[in-house]
Structure formats: structure tokens, C-alpha cells
Protein backbone atom coordinates (compact mmCIF):
# COMPACT_ATOMS: atom_id res chain seq x y z
CA UNK A 1 98.80 -156.53 -60.89
CA UNK A 2 102.34 -157.37 -59.84
CA UNK A 3 103.37 -159.30 -56.73
CA UNK A 4 106.99 -159.59 -55.66
CA UNK A 5 108.46 -162.91 -54.60
CA UNK A 6 108.22 -162.03 -50.91
CA UNK A 7 104.61 -160.90 -50.97
CA UNK A 8 103.07 -160.80 -47.50
CA UNK A 9 100.06 -162.86 -46.46
CA UNK A 10 97.97 -159.69 -46.10
CA UNK A 11 98.68 -158.68 -49.70
CA UNK A 12 97.95 -162.23 -50.82
CA UNK A 13 94.64 -162.07 -48.96
CA UNK A 14 93.56 -159.03 -50.93
CA UNK A 15 94.44 -160.76 -54.19
CA UNK A 16 92.57 -163.92 -53.22
CA UNK A 17 89.58 -161.84 -52.21
CA UNK A 18 89.57 -160.30 -55.69
CA UNK A 19 89.58 -163.78 -57.20
CA UNK A 20 86.62 -164.78 -55.07
CA UNK A 21 84.71 -161.70 -56.16
CA UNK A 22 85.24 -162.74 -59.76
CA UNK A 23 84.78 -166.51 -59.55
CA UNK A 24 82.48 -166.86 -56.52
CA UNK A 25 84.68 -169.66 -55.17
CA UNK A 26 83.10 -170.08 -52.05
CA UNK A 27 116.63 -191.68 -29.82
CA UNK A 28 113.34 -190.14 -29.42
CA UNK A 29 111.44 -190.98 -26.22
CA UNK A 30 113.09 -194.37 -25.91
CA UNK A 31 113.42 -195.08 -29.63
CA UNK A 32 116.74 -195.63 -31.34
CA UNK A 33 116.74 -193.41 -34.42
CA UNK A 34 119.39 -194.30 -36.96
CA UNK A 35 121.18 -191.17 -38.14
CA UNK A 36 122.57 -192.81 -41.27
CA UNK A 37 122.27 -192.17 -44.97
CA UNK A 38 119.12 -193.01 -46.89
CA UNK A 39 119.68 -196.63 -47.84
CA UNK A 40 118.15 -198.56 -50.71
CA UNK A 41 116.07 -200.46 -48.16
CA UNK A 42 114.63 -197.17 -46.92
CA UNK A 43 113.38 -196.00 -50.26
CA UNK A 44 109.64 -196.43 -50.36
CA UNK A 45 107.36 -196.26 -53.38
CA UNK A 46 106.00 -192.80 -52.63
CA UNK A 47 108.77 -190.29 -52.18
CA UNK A 48 106.91 -188.49 -49.39
CA UNK A 49 106.97 -191.51 -47.06
CA UNK A 50 109.18 -191.87 -44.00
CA UNK A 51 112.67 -193.28 -44.71
CA UNK A 52 112.11 -195.74 -41.85
CA UNK A 53 109.36 -197.65 -43.65
CA UNK A 54 109.66 -201.24 -44.80
CA UNK A 55 107.35 -203.25 -47.05
CA UNK A 56 108.45 -201.35 -50.09
CA UNK A 57 106.98 -201.08 -53.58
CA UNK A 58 109.35 -200.06 -56.36
CA UNK A 59 107.36 -201.64 -59.13
CA UNK A 60 103.65 -201.52 -59.91
CA UNK A 61 101.37 -200.67 -56.99
CA UNK A 62 98.27 -202.85 -56.70
CA UNK A 63 96.01 -200.46 -54.81
CA UNK A 64 95.49 -196.79 -54.05
CA UNK A 65 93.88 -196.05 -50.69
CA UNK A 66 92.07 -192.71 -50.48
CA UNK A 67 91.15 -191.07 -47.17
CA UNK A 68 87.83 -189.46 -48.04
CA UNK A 69 85.73 -186.74 -46.37
CA UNK A 70 82.11 -187.59 -45.77
CA UNK A 71 79.45 -185.31 -47.26
CA UNK A 72 75.88 -185.07 -45.90
CA UNK A 73 73.47 -186.63 -48.38
CA UNK A 74 76.17 -188.51 -50.30
CA UNK A 75 76.22 -192.23 -49.53
CA UNK A 76 76.37 -192.82 -45.77
CA UNK A 77 77.77 -189.31 -45.21
CA UNK A 78 80.72 -190.71 -43.27
CA UNK A 79 84.47 -190.29 -43.61
CA UNK A 80 85.87 -193.44 -45.15
CA UNK A 81 88.92 -195.23 -46.51
CA UNK A 82 88.32 -196.03 -50.18
CA UNK A 83 90.44 -198.64 -51.98
CA UNK A 84 90.91 -198.57 -55.76
CA UNK A 85 92.51 -201.27 -57.91
CA UNK A 86 95.51 -199.65 -59.63
CA UNK A 87 97.15 -202.62 -61.33
CA UNK A 88 96.57 -202.58 -65.13
CA UNK A 89 96.86 -206.37 -65.16
CA UNK A 90 93.78 -206.69 -62.96
CA UNK A 91 90.24 -207.13 -64.29
CA UNK A 92 89.17 -204.59 -61.65
CA UNK A 93 91.67 -201.96 -62.78
CA UNK A 94 90.47 -198.42 -62.18
CA UNK A 95 87.52 -199.55 -60.05
CA UNK A 96 86.55 -199.01 -56.41
CA UNK A 97 86.87 -202.41 -54.75
CA UNK A 98 86.38 -201.56 -51.08
CA UNK A 99 85.32 -198.83 -48.66
CA UNK A 100 85.47 -198.68 -44.87
CA UNK A 101 83.37 -196.04 -43.16
CA UNK A 102 84.29 -194.77 -39.68
CA UNK A 103 80.76 -193.85 -38.61
CA UNK A 104 81.01 -190.08 -38.59
CA UNK A 105 82.46 -186.93 -40.14
CA UNK A 106 85.59 -185.44 -38.61
CA UNK A 107 87.22 -183.71 -41.61
CA UNK A 108 89.27 -186.62 -42.96
CA UNK A 109 92.58 -185.25 -44.21
CA UNK A 110 95.96 -187.02 -44.10
CA UNK A 111 97.24 -190.49 -43.23
CA UNK A 112 100.51 -192.37 -42.91
CA UNK A 113 101.90 -195.90 -42.67
CA UNK A 114 103.52 -197.37 -39.59
CA UNK A 115 107.18 -198.28 -40.08
CA UNK A 116 106.27 -201.92 -40.86
CA UNK A 117 103.72 -200.70 -43.42
CA UNK A 118 101.04 -202.93 -41.95
CA UNK A 119 98.82 -200.16 -40.65
CA UNK A 120 97.55 -196.81 -41.88
CA UNK A 121 96.90 -194.06 -39.33
CA UNK A 122 94.33 -191.54 -40.60
CA UNK A 123 93.25 -188.37 -38.85
CA UNK A 124 90.32 -186.00 -38.63
CA UNK A 125 91.14 -182.30 -38.50
CA UNK A 126 87.84 -181.38 -36.85
CA UNK A 127 87.20 -184.12 -34.27
CA UNK A 128 90.93 -184.96 -33.72
CA UNK A 129 90.23 -188.68 -33.86
CA UNK A 130 92.83 -191.04 -35.29
CA UNK A 131 91.73 -194.20 -37.08
CA UNK A 132 94.07 -197.16 -37.46
CA UNK A 133 93.43 -199.41 -40.45
CA UNK A 134 95.00 -202.83 -41.02
CA UNK A 135 96.16 -202.68 -44.65
CA UNK A 136 98.82 -205.37 -44.35
CA UNK A 137 96.71 -208.49 -43.91
CA UNK A 138 94.42 -207.96 -46.89
CA UNK A 139 95.38 -204.69 -48.63
CA UNK A 140 92.44 -204.98 -51.02
CA UNK A 141 90.08 -205.01 -48.03
CA UNK A 142 91.44 -202.91 -45.13
CA UNK A 143 89.83 -203.16 -41.71
CA UNK A 144 89.41 -200.53 -39.00
CA UNK A 145 91.13 -201.99 -35.91
CA UNK A 146 91.48 -199.07 -33.52
CA UNK A 147 90.29 -195.52 -32.87
CA UNK A 148 92.53 -193.21 -30.84
CA UNK A 149 90.64 -190.38 -29.16
CA UNK A 150 93.00 -189.14 -26.43
CA UNK A 151 95.21 -186.74 -28.41
CA UNK A 152 93.47 -183.53 -27.22
CA UNK A 153 93.35 -184.67 -23.59
CA UNK A 154 96.97 -185.87 -23.55
CA UNK A 155 98.50 -182.92 -25.38
CA UNK A 156 96.14 -179.97 -25.67
CA UNK A 157 96.68 -180.20 -29.42
CA UNK A 158 93.99 -180.64 -32.06
CA UNK A 159 93.80 -181.41 -35.76
CA UNK A 160 96.21 -184.32 -36.32
CA UNK A 161 97.63 -183.76 -39.78
CA UNK A 162 100.92 -185.52 -40.61
CA UNK A 163 101.59 -189.14 -39.60
CA UNK A 164 105.31 -189.83 -39.83
CA UNK A 165 106.71 -193.28 -39.07
CA UNK A 166 109.68 -193.72 -36.74
CA UNK A 167 110.99 -197.12 -35.58
CA UNK A 168 108.09 -198.57 -33.58
CA UNK A 169 106.55 -195.12 -33.21
CA UNK A 170 104.30 -192.61 -34.97
CA UNK A 171 105.16 -188.92 -34.85
CA UNK A 172 102.12 -186.72 -35.48
CA UNK A 173 102.20 -183.13 -36.67
CA UNK A 174 99.13 -181.21 -35.50
CA UNK A 175 97.50 -178.02 -36.76
CA UNK A 176 95.65 -176.53 -33.82
CA UNK A 177 94.94 -176.59 -30.08
CA UNK A 178 91.97 -177.08 -27.75
CA UNK A 179 92.36 -173.78 -25.87
CA UNK A 180 91.53 -171.21 -28.54
CA UNK A 181 91.47 -173.32 -31.73
CA UNK A 182 94.26 -171.17 -33.13
CA UNK A 183 97.43 -172.30 -34.88
CA UNK A 184 99.81 -172.66 -31.91
CA UNK A 185 100.34 -176.38 -31.58
CA UNK A 186 103.00 -179.12 -31.55
CA UNK A 187 103.95 -182.70 -32.37
CA UNK A 188 102.78 -185.78 -30.49
CA UNK A 189 104.48 -189.16 -30.28
CA UNK A 190 102.69 -192.50 -29.96
CA UNK A 191 103.92 -196.07 -30.11
CA UNK A 192 102.57 -198.38 -32.78
CA UNK A 193 100.05 -199.78 -30.30
CA UNK A 194 98.41 -196.36 -30.12
CA UNK A 195 99.75 -195.44 -26.68
CA UNK A 196 100.76 -191.83 -26.03
CA UNK A 197 104.45 -191.23 -25.23
CA UNK A 198 105.39 -187.55 -25.48
CA UNK A 199 104.56 -184.10 -26.86
CA UNK A 200 106.77 -181.40 -28.39
CA UNK A 201 105.56 -177.80 -28.54
CA UNK A 202 106.31 -175.77 -31.63
CA UNK A 203 108.60 -172.87 -30.69
CA UNK A 204 106.97 -169.49 -30.02
CA UNK A 205 110.16 -167.62 -29.13
CA UNK A 206 113.45 -166.97 -30.86
CA UNK A 207 116.27 -169.53 -30.71
CA UNK A 208 119.77 -168.13 -30.02
CA UNK A 209 121.27 -167.72 -33.49
CA UNK A 210 124.42 -169.26 -34.86
CA UNK A 211 127.26 -166.81 -35.52
CA UNK A 212 126.55 -164.19 -38.19
CA UNK A 213 122.90 -165.20 -38.47
CA UNK A 214 119.72 -163.45 -37.42
CA UNK A 215 117.26 -165.13 -35.09
CA UNK A 216 113.61 -165.54 -36.07
CA UNK A 217 110.74 -165.66 -33.59
CA UNK A 218 108.69 -168.83 -33.83
CA UNK A 219 104.96 -168.57 -34.55
CA UNK A 220 104.14 -171.90 -32.90
CA UNK A 221 102.30 -173.21 -35.97
CA UNK A 222 102.56 -176.71 -37.40
CA UNK A 223 101.80 -178.69 -40.54
CA UNK A 224 104.21 -181.15 -42.19
CA UNK A 225 107.10 -183.26 -40.85
CA UNK A 226 110.08 -184.50 -42.86
CA UNK A 227 113.23 -186.29 -41.66
CA UNK A 228 116.74 -186.62 -43.08
CA UNK A 229 118.41 -189.25 -40.84
CA UNK A 230 121.81 -188.70 -42.46
CA UNK A 231 121.90 -185.14 -41.12
CA UNK A 232 120.05 -185.76 -37.84
CA UNK A 233 117.55 -183.26 -39.23
CA UNK A 234 113.80 -182.94 -38.81
CA UNK A 235 111.93 -180.12 -40.55
CA UNK A 236 108.44 -178.85 -39.72
CA UNK A 237 106.29 -176.34 -41.60
CA UNK A 238 103.34 -174.13 -40.63
CA UNK A 239 99.76 -173.57 -41.76
CA UNK A 240 96.83 -172.31 -39.67
CA UNK A 241 94.47 -173.33 -36.89
CA UNK A 242 90.95 -174.69 -36.72
CA UNK A 243 89.45 -171.20 -36.56
CA UNK A 244 90.56 -170.76 -40.17
CA UNK A 245 90.58 -174.21 -41.75
CA UNK A 246 87.08 -175.04 -40.49
CA UNK A 247 85.72 -171.74 -41.79
CA UNK A 248 84.53 -170.91 -45.30
CA UNK A 249 87.55 -169.88 -47.36
CA UNK A 250 85.73 -166.93 -48.88
CA UNK A 251 85.15 -165.56 -45.37
CA UNK A 252 88.72 -166.18 -44.28
CA UNK A 253 90.37 -164.31 -47.13
CA UNK A 254 88.09 -161.29 -46.65
CA UNK A 255 88.87 -161.13 -42.93
CA UNK A 256 92.12 -159.19 -42.34
CA UNK A 257 92.44 -160.51 -38.80
CA UNK A 258 92.03 -164.13 -39.92
CA UNK A 259 94.71 -163.69 -42.56
CA UNK A 260 97.19 -162.68 -39.86
CA UNK A 261 96.91 -166.18 -38.42
CA UNK A 262 98.79 -168.22 -41.00
CA UNK A 263 102.24 -169.70 -40.45
CA UNK A 264 105.33 -167.98 -41.77
CA UNK A 265 108.09 -170.29 -40.56
CA UNK A 266 109.94 -173.54 -41.02
CA UNK A 267 111.68 -175.09 -38.01
CA UNK A 268 114.79 -177.28 -38.04
CA UNK A 269 114.88 -179.77 -35.15
CA UNK A 270 117.64 -181.97 -33.76
CA UNK A 271 116.17 -185.39 -34.50
CA UNK A 272 117.90 -187.14 -31.61
CA UNK A 273 116.98 -184.65 -28.89
CA UNK A 274 113.72 -183.43 -30.47
CA UNK A 275 114.64 -179.85 -29.72
CA UNK A 276 114.34 -176.99 -32.24
CA UNK A 277 117.71 -175.71 -33.41
CA UNK A 278 116.77 -173.00 -35.93
CA UNK A 279 113.71 -171.13 -37.16
CA UNK A 280 113.51 -169.89 -40.75
CA UNK A 281 111.34 -167.00 -41.92
CA UNK A 282 109.32 -168.41 -44.83
CA UNK A 283 106.34 -166.11 -45.40
CA UNK A 284 103.07 -167.32 -46.84
CA UNK A 285 102.26 -170.66 -45.16
CA UNK A 286 104.89 -173.23 -46.18
CA UNK A 287 103.15 -176.58 -46.51
CA UNK A 288 104.54 -179.94 -47.68
CA UNK A 289 108.29 -180.59 -47.21
CA UNK A 290 110.26 -183.03 -49.37
CA UNK A 291 113.86 -184.03 -48.74
CA UNK A 292 115.93 -184.96 -51.79
CA UNK A 293 116.38 -188.74 -51.53
CA UNK A 294 119.17 -189.21 -54.07
CA UNK A 295 122.53 -190.18 -52.62
CA UNK A 296 124.64 -187.17 -51.71
CA UNK A 297 121.72 -184.75 -51.99
CA UNK A 298 121.09 -183.17 -48.59
CA UNK A 299 118.54 -180.47 -49.26
CA UNK A 300 114.80 -180.09 -48.92
CA UNK A 301 112.15 -178.13 -50.76
CA UNK A 302 108.76 -176.70 -49.83
CA UNK A 303 106.06 -174.52 -51.38
CA UNK A 304 104.26 -171.57 -49.82
CA UNK A 305 100.50 -171.55 -50.31
CA UNK A 306 99.79 -167.83 -50.05
CA UNK A 307 102.84 -166.47 -51.84
CA UNK A 308 103.27 -169.21 -54.48
CA UNK A 309 107.00 -169.76 -54.08
CA UNK A 310 109.35 -172.73 -53.95
CA UNK A 311 111.82 -172.54 -51.07
CA UNK A 312 115.09 -174.47 -50.81
CA UNK A 313 116.57 -175.53 -47.47
CA UNK A 314 120.25 -176.42 -47.59
CA UNK A 315 123.54 -175.81 -45.77
CA UNK A 316 125.67 -172.81 -46.66
CA UNK A 317 129.48 -173.07 -47.08
CA UNK A 318 129.85 -172.55 -43.33
CA UNK A 319 127.63 -175.55 -42.62
CA UNK A 320 124.61 -173.58 -41.40
CA UNK A 321 121.13 -174.48 -42.60
CA UNK A 322 119.53 -171.70 -44.64
CA UNK A 323 116.21 -171.24 -46.44
CA UNK A 324 115.73 -169.17 -49.58
CA UNK A 325 113.04 -168.71 -52.22
CA UNK A 326 114.18 -170.09 -55.54
CA UNK A 327 111.23 -170.02 -57.96
CA UNK A 328 107.70 -168.76 -58.49
CA UNK A 329 104.87 -171.23 -59.01
CA UNK A 330 102.62 -170.15 -61.85
CA UNK A 331 101.68 -166.47 -61.68
CA UNK A 332 101.84 -165.44 -57.99
CA UNK A 333 99.74 -162.36 -58.80
CA UNK A 334 96.80 -164.69 -59.48
CA UNK A 335 97.31 -166.66 -56.23
CA UNK A 336 97.20 -170.17 -57.74
CA UNK A 337 97.45 -171.63 -54.19
CA UNK A 338 100.03 -174.45 -54.37
CA UNK A 339 98.78 -177.18 -52.07
CA UNK A 340 100.88 -180.30 -52.63
CA UNK A 341 104.25 -181.31 -54.06
CA UNK A 342 105.86 -184.64 -54.98
CA UNK A 343 109.60 -184.97 -55.59
CA UNK A 344 111.00 -187.62 -57.94
CA UNK A 345 113.15 -190.40 -56.54
CA UNK A 346 116.27 -189.01 -58.22
CA UNK A 347 115.50 -185.49 -56.90
CA UNK A 348 115.61 -184.08 -60.42
CA UNK A 349 111.94 -183.25 -60.75
CA UNK A 350 109.03 -181.91 -58.70
CA UNK A 351 105.27 -182.07 -59.25
CA UNK A 352 103.25 -179.18 -57.85
CA UNK A 353 99.45 -178.95 -57.74
CA UNK A 354 97.83 -175.49 -57.62
CA UNK A 355 94.29 -175.60 -56.30
CA UNK A 356 92.71 -172.39 -57.57
CA UNK A 357 93.54 -172.81 -61.26
CA UNK A 358 93.40 -176.63 -61.29
CA UNK A 359 96.89 -177.00 -62.70
CA UNK A 360 99.55 -179.68 -62.29
CA UNK A 361 103.07 -178.30 -62.82
CA UNK A 362 106.39 -180.08 -63.32
CA UNK A 363 109.66 -178.42 -62.32
CA UNK A 364 113.14 -179.47 -63.41
CA UNK A 365 115.25 -179.64 -60.21
CA UNK A 366 118.55 -180.55 -61.86
CA UNK A 367 119.80 -177.32 -60.31
CA UNK A 368 117.75 -177.05 -57.10
CA UNK A 369 118.82 -173.44 -56.62
CA UNK A 370 117.19 -172.56 -59.95
CA UNK A 371 114.11 -174.75 -60.54
CA UNK A 372 112.53 -174.40 -63.97
CA UNK A 373 108.93 -175.19 -64.84
CA UNK A 374 109.04 -177.37 -67.96
CA UNK A 375 105.48 -178.68 -68.13
CA UNK A 376 101.97 -177.88 -66.93
CA UNK A 377 98.53 -179.31 -67.53
CA UNK A 378 95.05 -178.30 -66.43
CA UNK A 379 93.92 -181.45 -64.61
CA UNK A 380 90.66 -180.29 -63.01
CA UNK A 381 88.59 -177.34 -61.86
CA UNK A 382 90.25 -177.85 -58.48
CA UNK A 383 93.21 -180.13 -57.71
CA UNK A 384 94.85 -180.91 -54.42
CA UNK A 385 97.01 -183.94 -53.63
CA UNK A 386 99.55 -185.40 -56.07
CA UNK A 387 101.30 -188.77 -55.62
CA UNK A 388 103.70 -190.51 -57.99
CA UNK A 389 105.05 -194.03 -58.19
CA UNK A 390 108.70 -194.58 -57.27
CA UNK A 391 109.66 -195.12 -60.91
CA UNK A 392 107.94 -191.84 -61.81
CA UNK A 393 105.79 -193.44 -64.50
CA UNK A 394 102.40 -192.97 -62.80
CA UNK A 395 100.88 -189.87 -61.25
CA UNK A 396 97.67 -189.72 -59.20
CA UNK A 397 95.69 -186.59 -58.39
CA UNK A 398 92.75 -185.92 -56.05
CA UNK A 399 90.53 -182.87 -55.91
CA UNK A 400 89.42 -182.00 -52.37
CA UNK A 401 91.30 -179.54 -50.16
CA UNK A 402 89.00 -178.98 -47.16
CA UNK A 403 85.23 -179.27 -46.84
CA UNK A 404 84.88 -175.51 -46.26
CA UNK A 405 87.52 -174.56 -48.84
CA UNK A 406 86.46 -176.60 -51.86
CA UNK A 407 84.86 -174.75 -54.74
CA UNK A 408 81.11 -174.74 -55.29
CA UNK A 409 78.70 -175.36 -58.15
CA UNK A 410 80.07 -176.89 -61.34
CA UNK A 411 83.66 -176.37 -60.12
CA UNK A 412 83.09 -178.67 -57.15
CA UNK A 413 84.58 -181.68 -58.92
CA UNK A 414 85.41 -184.60 -56.64
CA UNK A 415 87.66 -187.16 -58.27
CA UNK A 416 90.76 -189.30 -58.32
CA UNK A 417 92.52 -189.16 -61.70
CA UNK A 418 95.33 -191.48 -62.71
CA UNK A 419 97.88 -190.60 -65.37
CA UNK A 420 100.88 -192.13 -67.09
CA UNK A 421 103.96 -189.91 -67.39
CA UNK A 422 106.51 -190.50 -70.16
CA UNK A 423 108.69 -187.54 -69.29
CA UNK A 424 106.88 -185.27 -71.71
CA UNK A 425 103.11 -185.61 -71.28
CA UNK A 426 100.53 -186.77 -68.73
CA UNK A 427 98.18 -189.28 -70.35
CA UNK A 428 94.90 -190.15 -68.64
CA UNK A 429 94.46 -193.78 -67.57
CA UNK A 430 91.33 -193.79 -65.43
CA UNK A 431 89.12 -191.59 -63.28
CA UNK A 432 86.88 -192.21 -60.27
CA UNK A 433 84.05 -189.70 -59.81
CA UNK A 434 83.65 -189.73 -56.02
CA UNK A 435 80.37 -187.80 -56.12
CA UNK A 436 78.82 -190.12 -58.68
CA UNK A 437 80.06 -193.14 -56.72
CA UNK A 438 78.45 -191.70 -53.56
CA UNK A 439 81.77 -191.68 -51.71
CA UNK A 440 82.49 -188.08 -50.70
CA UNK A 441 85.48 -185.74 -51.12
CA UNK A 442 88.77 -187.56 -51.90
CA UNK A 443 91.87 -186.18 -50.21
CA UNK A 444 95.04 -188.10 -49.28
CA UNK A 445 96.36 -191.18 -51.12
CA UNK A 446 98.64 -194.08 -50.18
CA UNK A 447 99.74 -197.09 -52.23
CA UNK A 448 99.84 -200.75 -51.27
CA UNK A 449 100.55 -204.14 -52.85
CA UNK A 450 99.71 -207.75 -52.14
CA UNK A 451 101.83 -209.21 -49.29
CA UNK A 452 103.69 -211.68 -51.47
CA UNK A 453 104.92 -208.84 -53.69
CA UNK A 454 106.12 -206.60 -50.87
CA UNK A 455 107.79 -209.57 -49.17
CA UNK A 456 109.76 -210.44 -52.28
CA UNK A 457 110.74 -206.82 -52.75
CA UNK A 458 111.97 -206.65 -49.16
CA UNK A 459 114.07 -209.78 -49.62
CA UNK A 460 115.61 -208.30 -52.77
CA UNK A 461 116.43 -205.08 -50.94
CA UNK A 462 118.30 -207.00 -48.22
CA UNK A 463 120.52 -208.91 -50.65
């Protein structure tokens, strides 16, 4: 079976359905936003973090925090923040040292630091609650300090997904809405105290095109947020609404109507005015967005889940932003379902996890217009998130995608796996079996370090 590089979501649905038959896989609002280049002081340990974050880790992280979905009958059944010791010099290395339950299940998914790195905001895709954890005071033992429950009432949005730090603010990318639980949604802005400030609807109409370009109609869908301050540029991507992501994946892919309701666009926004300036047609649900952080590199990359393609966003010779597909991920005919990406600090490499075949891929991005896969490894029966240290020497992988989309039976592995990377091979360092430890389904990861280490690193960055 052959699939071209611009395969539609409907054709992808048919292919996924075949797989399931075989495998039975069941200044923004008063904030001064600096439109300057990425500085050394803005380079955080994880390359997916906001460039406005402080409290940086460029050396060895001490802890990995994992936002974990609760599972009925496993432990207390609650969503929770799990903390793992990740420093090889520690006697507790590779062990769970803390867990903070939130007292319910709301489909724990993503989280993000505030700009001062003292707090983690973590969201539930089903109940739309936002939990704020203090990870700055005692990073080995975070505490739940606030629960924000007004997002649906204030905005009409649901499913808080991406938490992106701005100076004194948190910009939240949402997946759904309260009216019909579909994918039309927007971004919401809060201050660091958890007070609502503003909302920004995703565009559902065409934006007047620049000369010699063709306008694209917005689908209104949301997912990730990524900012390049140097270019006054904010990019958003698009996924699907609650009607799909809270439904069994096997049912979704066999439902032609449901498969029509996935995002097919990226949107470029003016960061200062928070108004959309261009919509790109990117078929197949573009998910995570990563800007190249290396000096002089002003391009971004994303991966489409349903069509298994890498897309490059960069300016053409006339200065207009354009998006184009530049590489296939695995064998698109088999619908590997790329779910997460992690770009290296020097923008010369990209990790990609594909959920269906449990594979971790590495692409050489030395020429971003022609990425080349140079390495791959089967890292689990299902793999989802991938995070790497700033120096690129350590790679962490978790297994859970969504509670209704994870595989079943023996393929329902639930783990965090840590690897060393020497530029040629991933070598296993430790593994946490989240089912055996009675924790749940591990999803998103964030790193932290003891305060004295981050303080010294900040001082060094300011010299």
C-alpha cells in the first residue's frame, strides 16, 4: 500500500482502521514582550520550554516530574505529579521519591513552568482543571498550591493543553470548547497568580493573503504554542476536540465523520498584537512545534500525526512565512502516528516518537529543508513523549498518549525510560514501571534541580 506525502486524513483513517483490525489496538494584555534574539540566558534545559524562562539547567538535572493519568484500580486512581530522582550521583537515582495526587481523574496531559520556573501548571483535558504545583521551594517534594477551575466559564474553551510562559503570564493553548465539545477553540491568558486576563479565538475564516500567496481558511482548532521573540512570531498547531480525544481510538478511526474533525492548519500570529497574520495548510493534524534555538536560525519544525510528515516553517526570499513538507517519518503507509518531537539545542538534530510502532527516531537537521533519519530504536510497545537534556546526552521517554487511545493487553506498557545518547546509540539507564508502582499512565515530563544549582547557573548566565 502506497501513501503519498500529502495523504488526506480520510485516507489515513482507512489505513489506521486496517492496523486496528490486525493488531486489535483498542505587549500582550499589559505584558511587555521582548522581541529580541534568543539569548544565552533564555536557553532552558529542555528545548521545548518558553524562551522567557529563568532558573535554567544546562548541566545534570536532579529530578524528572511526570504528570500522570489516574487509572481506576491502580493506587489511589487519581491524576498525580510523580517525581523521580534523575541524578546519577544520588543514592535514589532512578527511583520514585515523591507523588502528589490531585484527588480525581481529569485526563492529565501537559504542563509548563511559569517564567520564574518556581511553579508548574498542569492541566486536565477532560475536566479542564488547572493545577499549580510549587516546584521551586523543594523540587524533590512539590506541593499543590492552587487549583484553577474557571477556564470554561471565562472563555468557553475546554481541554487546556499547552502551558507557555510569558513574562509574568501563562498563555494556554486549548483543544476544545464547552458548546459542542468539538475542536474549535482558542488560547487563554492568565497572570502568574492564576487570574484570567484575556482570550484569543483561533481563526475560522481566511486571512487576507500577502501578495502572490493564496489564503487558507482557518479550522479554528488548537494544540501547541511556540514563540520566536526575535521575529515577533507565535505559531499554533491543531489537533481535535473532546468528542474525539475522549473517545476510544478504535472507534474514532472507523468513523468517517469523526475523522473529518482533525486540524489541518498552522497559524502564524503577531506576538505583540496577538492577532493571526497567516494560516498555513498542513494536512494531517500538526502537533508539537519546535523553533530552532541556535543563533541565526529562524525556522520551526512540526510533525503531522495522521500523515507522518515533518513540516518546515521558514521565510521565503521575499520575507513571507511559508510551510512545506520536508520528510516522511517512518513508513507513512503504516501510519506510525508521530506524537512528540524534541529538537537539539544546536538545531542540528530532532527526536521523533511514533506511538503505533513504539519507535524513537533521530533525524539529522543539518539541512532543515532535507532532514535525514540516521537512527531509530524500538523503545516500547507504545511510546509518546520524548524529552532530552540541554547537552543532548540524556533522553527520557514515556508511554501514555491518552486514556482512551493507549493500547490494550500486553501492549499497554506504562513506563518512563531513561537513556544515555552518545551520538550513535541510545543506552538504557533506568526504567520506572508505572503500573507496577501503582502510579497510573505517565505522560508529560519536566526537569528540575535543587535551588542552589539553578541559582548558580543563573548567576553564571548573567556574567
